[in-house]
Amino acid sequence: MKNLAIFASGSGSNAERIVEYFQNSATVNIKLFLTNNPEAGVIERAKRLEISIRVFDRQEFKSETIVDLLKENEIDWVILAGFLWLIPKNLVAAFPNKIVNIHPALLPKFGGKGMYGHFVHEAVIANKETESGITIHLVNEHYDEGAIIFQASFPVSSEDTPEDVARKGQVLEHEHFPRIIEQLITVK
């Protein structure tokens, strides 16, 4: 059995989708949700899904507190599902090549610090891109620079708004993220 911890800063729709995907799995257990946002929607989702949730602050995140919590819970893989903080070196070192993120654009375009959510979608529209998509990648000490595992794209029309781009991207996120996680954790 592989134990997963999911970090989220917002609503938690991807976290919930991952839980749904693995709910009858004999090999994957979603053991813990973690958030840096005490008002995040993922907290209510965790309660409804009966998954332990931990809210933490920046000091705890940068210390060994979160690494220790993950080890105490025998976490094998860390999944970032809309988590906005840069992962500290101690956490990357504790889970080498076992931290996976999803980004709402086709990296390397529109990645890096400050490029999340609507900022990404607005940049796609402002740059008159004809396609966008999602990127699932391993996490290192830098924003959105880890090895790319998977990408999926969709067309962007001249009439699309940032909200349209977000909706199209979320469809791909929910479709592919759980499946790619499953492939990764069964290979390693």
Protein backbone atom coordinates (compact mmCIF):
# COMPACT_ATOMS: atom_id res chain seq x y z
CA MET A 1 0.00 0.00 0.00
CA LYS A 2 1.34 3.42 -1.00
CA ASN A 3 0.31 6.31 1.26
CA LEU A 4 -0.21 9.71 -0.34
CA ALA A 5 -0.37 13.17 1.17
CA ILE A 6 -2.01 15.92 -0.85
CA PHE A 7 -1.07 19.58 -0.41
CA ALA A 8 -3.61 22.18 -1.59
CA SER A 9 -4.02 25.92 -1.04
CA GLY A 10 -7.45 26.44 -2.56
CA SER A 11 -10.76 24.71 -3.21
CA GLY A 12 -9.32 21.22 -3.41
CA SER A 13 -11.20 20.02 -6.49
CA ASN A 14 -8.15 18.11 -7.76
CA ALA A 15 -7.58 16.64 -4.29
CA GLU A 16 -11.17 15.40 -4.19
CA ARG A 17 -10.88 13.97 -7.70
CA ILE A 18 -7.75 12.05 -6.67
CA VAL A 19 -9.55 10.65 -3.62
CA GLU A 20 -12.50 9.56 -5.79
CA TYR A 21 -10.16 7.90 -8.28
CA PHE A 22 -8.40 5.84 -5.60
CA GLN A 23 -11.36 5.21 -3.27
CA ASN A 24 -11.53 1.47 -4.03
CA SER A 25 -7.81 0.97 -4.61
CA ALA A 26 -6.03 -1.90 -2.90
CA THR A 27 -2.65 -0.26 -3.52
CA VAL A 28 -3.13 3.50 -2.87
CA ASN A 29 -4.31 5.24 0.28
CA ILE A 30 -4.91 9.00 0.47
CA LYS A 31 -3.89 9.45 4.07
CA LEU A 32 -3.58 13.17 4.65
CA PHE A 33 -4.46 16.59 3.24
CA LEU A 34 -2.28 19.58 4.14
CA THR A 35 -2.91 23.26 3.52
CA ASN A 36 -1.22 26.57 4.20
CA ASN A 37 -4.54 28.41 3.95
CA PRO A 38 -6.83 28.27 7.01
CA GLU A 39 -9.76 29.36 4.80
CA ALA A 40 -9.12 26.92 1.93
CA GLY A 41 -12.07 24.98 0.56
CA VAL A 42 -9.97 21.82 0.75
CA ILE A 43 -10.57 21.81 4.52
CA GLU A 44 -14.31 21.25 4.09
CA ARG A 45 -13.65 18.66 1.40
CA ALA A 46 -11.31 16.78 3.75
CA LYS A 47 -13.94 16.73 6.49
CA ARG A 48 -16.62 15.51 4.07
CA LEU A 49 -14.26 12.85 2.68
CA GLU A 50 -13.15 11.87 6.21
CA ILE A 51 -9.48 12.51 5.50
CA SER A 52 -7.17 14.02 8.09
CA ILE A 53 -6.34 17.65 7.38
CA ARG A 54 -3.45 19.70 8.74
CA VAL A 55 -3.26 23.48 8.46
CA PHE A 56 0.26 24.84 8.83
CA ASP A 57 2.09 28.15 8.69
CA ARG A 58 5.27 29.16 6.88
CA GLN A 59 7.50 28.56 9.92
CA GLU A 60 6.25 24.98 10.34
CA PHE A 61 6.63 24.40 6.60
CA LYS A 62 10.25 25.52 6.50
CA SER A 63 11.21 23.63 9.66
CA GLU A 64 11.20 19.84 10.00
CA THR A 65 7.63 19.83 11.35
CA ILE A 66 5.94 18.92 8.07
CA VAL A 67 8.63 16.43 7.03
CA ASP A 68 8.27 14.76 10.44
CA LEU A 69 4.47 14.68 10.09
CA LEU A 70 4.76 13.03 6.67
CA LYS A 71 7.21 10.44 8.00
CA GLU A 72 5.02 9.73 11.06
CA ASN A 73 2.14 9.04 8.67
CA GLU A 74 4.35 6.77 6.54
CA ILE A 75 3.78 8.88 3.44
CA ASP A 76 5.35 7.48 0.28
CA TRP A 77 4.36 10.20 -2.22
CA VAL A 78 3.54 13.90 -1.90
CA ILE A 79 1.04 15.32 -4.38
CA LEU A 80 0.69 19.07 -4.96
CA ALA A 81 -2.82 19.86 -6.15
CA GLY A 82 -3.07 23.63 -6.35
CA PHE A 83 -0.45 24.27 -3.69
CA LEU A 84 1.12 27.72 -4.03
CA TRP A 85 4.27 27.79 -1.89
CA LEU A 86 7.74 26.84 -3.04
CA ILE A 87 8.68 23.45 -1.58
CA PRO A 88 11.62 23.82 0.83
CA LYS A 89 14.85 21.91 0.23
CA ASN A 90 14.40 19.70 3.30
CA LEU A 91 11.07 18.41 1.99
CA VAL A 92 12.46 17.84 -1.52
CA ALA A 93 15.41 15.96 0.04
CA ALA A 94 13.10 13.82 2.20
CA PHE A 95 11.03 12.76 -0.85
CA PRO A 96 13.43 12.73 -3.81
CA ASN A 97 11.52 12.26 -7.07
CA LYS A 98 8.40 11.51 -5.04
CA ILE A 99 6.76 14.95 -5.08
CA VAL A 100 4.43 15.56 -8.03
CA ASN A 101 2.81 18.83 -9.08
CA ILE A 102 0.21 19.83 -11.65
CA HIS A 103 0.57 23.17 -13.41
CA PRO A 104 -2.23 24.83 -15.42
CA ALA A 105 -0.12 25.55 -18.52
CA LEU A 106 2.24 23.86 -20.93
CA LEU A 107 5.57 24.36 -19.20
CA PRO A 108 8.05 25.88 -19.68
CA LYS A 109 5.61 28.61 -20.78
CA PHE A 110 3.83 30.51 -18.03
CA GLY A 111 5.62 28.89 -15.10
CA GLY A 112 7.59 30.22 -12.17
CA LYS A 113 6.91 32.33 -9.12
CA GLY A 114 3.55 34.07 -9.20
CA MET A 115 2.30 32.02 -12.15
CA TYR A 116 -0.69 30.14 -10.79
CA GLY A 117 -4.44 30.03 -11.35
CA HIS A 118 -5.93 33.04 -13.08
CA PHE A 119 -2.51 34.66 -13.56
CA VAL A 120 -1.56 31.79 -15.89
CA HIS A 121 -4.83 31.91 -17.80
CA GLU A 122 -4.67 35.70 -18.18
CA ALA A 123 -1.12 35.39 -19.54
CA VAL A 124 -2.24 32.76 -22.06
CA ILE A 125 -4.93 35.13 -23.36
CA ALA A 126 -2.69 38.21 -23.27
CA ASN A 127 -0.05 36.39 -25.32
CA LYS A 128 -2.65 35.29 -27.87
CA GLU A 129 -1.72 31.63 -27.45
CA THR A 130 -3.58 29.21 -29.71
CA GLU A 131 -3.21 26.36 -27.24
CA SER A 132 -2.74 25.80 -23.55
CA GLY A 133 -2.96 22.79 -21.32
CA ILE A 134 -1.62 21.12 -18.23
CA THR A 135 1.77 19.87 -17.14
CA ILE A 136 2.36 17.19 -14.52
CA HIS A 137 5.94 17.28 -13.27
CA LEU A 138 8.27 16.22 -10.51
CA VAL A 139 9.14 18.90 -7.98
CA ASN A 140 12.58 20.27 -7.19
CA GLU A 141 13.70 23.35 -5.23
CA HIS A 142 12.53 25.75 -7.97
CA TYR A 143 9.05 26.70 -9.14
CA ASP A 144 7.89 24.58 -12.08
CA GLU A 145 11.35 23.38 -13.12
CA GLY A 146 11.17 19.68 -12.22
CA ALA A 147 11.20 16.96 -14.86
CA ILE A 148 8.05 16.92 -16.96
CA ILE A 149 6.12 13.65 -16.73
CA PHE A 150 3.04 14.41 -18.81
CA GLN A 151 1.39 17.19 -20.79
CA ALA A 152 -2.04 17.50 -22.39
CA SER A 153 -3.26 20.43 -24.45
CA PHE A 154 -6.43 22.04 -25.71
CA PRO A 155 -7.08 24.75 -28.32
CA VAL A 156 -7.53 28.35 -27.26
CA SER A 157 -9.70 30.46 -29.56
CA SER A 158 -9.56 34.21 -29.99
CA GLU A 159 -12.94 34.41 -28.24
CA ASP A 160 -11.82 32.51 -25.13
CA THR A 161 -11.62 34.33 -21.81
CA PRO A 162 -9.26 33.40 -18.97
CA GLU A 163 -12.27 31.68 -17.35
CA ASP A 164 -12.78 29.57 -20.50
CA VAL A 165 -9.11 28.56 -20.43
CA ALA A 166 -9.42 27.67 -16.74
CA ARG A 167 -12.48 25.48 -17.37
CA LYS A 168 -10.84 23.65 -20.25
CA GLY A 169 -7.72 23.08 -18.18
CA GLN A 170 -9.62 21.76 -15.20
CA VAL A 171 -11.29 19.14 -17.36
CA LEU A 172 -7.84 17.88 -18.36
CA GLU A 173 -6.57 18.06 -14.77
CA HIS A 174 -9.40 15.91 -13.44
CA GLU A 175 -9.08 13.48 -16.33
CA HIS A 176 -5.32 12.96 -16.27
CA PHE A 177 -3.83 13.81 -12.86
CA PRO A 178 -5.10 10.76 -10.92
CA ARG A 179 -4.21 8.40 -13.78
CA ILE A 180 -0.66 9.76 -14.10
CA ILE A 181 -0.20 9.54 -10.32
CA GLU A 182 -1.26 5.89 -10.48
CA GLN A 183 1.21 5.18 -13.27
CA LEU A 184 4.04 6.88 -11.39
CA ILE A 185 3.55 5.17 -8.07
CA THR A 186 3.14 1.71 -9.56
CA VAL A 187 6.40 2.09 -11.54
CA LYS A 188 8.60 3.29 -8.65
